[in-house]
Amino acid sequence: MAARDRYSRKLECSKCGRSGFAEVSEDDDPRRTSPGFVVDLMPPGFSTERPSTDPARHMIRCRCGNVFAFKQKTHYAPGGEPA
């Protein structure tokens, strides 16, 4: 069983400005075909709209109704950059 990389990523709604940090993890095994992406903790006001094991396809919904991709131009929390 492979180890999991854990990191935080800032989510920011372009419609209402709500923001928060999501805690996520991915498999650390480069031989896997999918990174096994999982959102472990979602900040208040955000929810998963369309889950995916690929962060580029995982869609987030803001409380205001805006839907956006998890993997977009965002900023990392201090010390939360992917390992």
Protein backbone atom coordinates (compact mmCIF):
# COMPACT_ATOMS: atom_id res chain seq x y z
CA MET A 1 0.00 0.00 0.00
CA ALA A 2 1.37 3.40 -0.99
CA ALA A 3 1.67 6.40 1.29
CA ARG A 4 -0.62 9.39 0.84
CA ASP A 5 0.56 12.94 0.14
CA ARG A 6 -1.52 15.40 2.17
CA TYR A 7 -1.74 19.11 1.52
CA SER A 8 -3.98 22.17 1.88
CA ARG A 9 -5.28 24.22 -1.00
CA LYS A 10 -7.07 27.56 -0.88
CA LEU A 11 -10.51 27.61 -2.48
CA GLU A 12 -11.82 30.99 -3.55
CA CYS A 13 -15.17 31.70 -5.18
CA SER A 14 -14.86 34.15 -8.06
CA LYS A 15 -18.53 35.12 -7.72
CA CYS A 16 -18.90 36.02 -4.02
CA GLY A 17 -15.29 36.01 -2.73
CA ARG A 18 -15.80 33.30 -0.09
CA SER A 19 -12.55 31.48 0.63
CA GLY A 20 -11.15 28.72 2.81
CA PHE A 21 -8.59 25.94 2.82
CA ALA A 22 -9.46 22.38 1.79
CA GLU A 23 -7.43 19.47 3.17
CA VAL A 24 -6.78 16.87 0.45
CA SER A 25 -4.70 13.76 -0.14
CA GLU A 26 -3.38 11.78 -3.12
CA ASP A 27 -1.60 8.44 -3.55
CA ASP A 28 2.18 8.72 -3.59
CA ASP A 29 2.69 5.81 -6.01
CA PRO A 30 3.75 7.06 -9.49
CA ARG A 31 2.82 3.70 -11.07
CA ARG A 32 -0.90 4.27 -10.45
CA THR A 33 -3.01 5.40 -13.41
CA SER A 34 -5.07 7.71 -11.18
CA PRO A 35 -3.73 9.85 -8.33
CA GLY A 36 -6.52 8.67 -6.00
CA PHE A 37 -7.40 12.27 -5.14
CA VAL A 38 -9.70 12.68 -2.10
CA VAL A 39 -10.94 15.83 -0.33
CA ASP A 40 -10.55 14.99 3.36
CA LEU A 41 -11.94 18.25 4.79
CA MET A 42 -13.92 20.95 2.96
CA PRO A 43 -14.05 24.51 4.37
CA PRO A 44 -17.44 25.90 5.51
CA GLY A 45 -19.56 27.22 2.65
CA PHE A 46 -18.17 24.81 0.04
CA SER A 47 -19.26 21.33 -1.02
CA THR A 48 -18.39 18.77 -3.66
CA GLU A 49 -20.53 19.15 -6.79
CA ARG A 50 -18.98 16.37 -8.89
CA PRO A 51 -16.40 14.13 -7.19
CA SER A 52 -13.47 12.71 -9.13
CA THR A 53 -10.20 10.93 -8.33
CA ASP A 54 -8.52 13.45 -10.64
CA PRO A 55 -8.14 16.95 -9.09
CA ALA A 56 -8.50 18.60 -12.52
CA ARG A 57 -12.03 17.13 -12.85
CA HIS A 58 -13.21 17.49 -9.23
CA MET A 59 -15.87 20.24 -9.15
CA ILE A 60 -16.64 22.41 -6.09
CA ARG A 61 -19.88 24.29 -5.33
CA CYS A 62 -19.89 27.48 -3.27
CA ARG A 63 -22.87 28.28 -1.05
CA CYS A 64 -23.73 31.14 -3.46
CA GLY A 65 -24.25 28.56 -6.26
CA ASN A 66 -21.04 29.10 -8.22
CA VAL A 67 -19.42 25.86 -9.45
CA PHE A 68 -15.69 25.71 -10.25
CA ALA A 69 -12.88 23.19 -10.68
CA PHE A 70 -10.77 22.27 -7.65
CA LYS A 71 -7.57 22.56 -9.66
CA GLN A 72 -7.39 26.18 -10.74
CA LYS A 73 -5.12 29.14 -10.12
CA THR A 74 -5.13 29.28 -6.32
CA HIS A 75 -2.71 30.03 -3.51
CA TYR A 76 -1.41 27.49 -1.01
CA ALA A 77 -1.64 27.93 2.72
CA PRO A 78 1.72 28.60 4.40
CA GLY A 79 3.45 25.22 4.58
CA GLY A 80 0.64 23.59 2.59
CA GLU A 81 2.40 23.19 -0.72
CA PRO A 82 2.27 19.66 -2.21
CA ALA A 83 5.22 17.51 -1.19
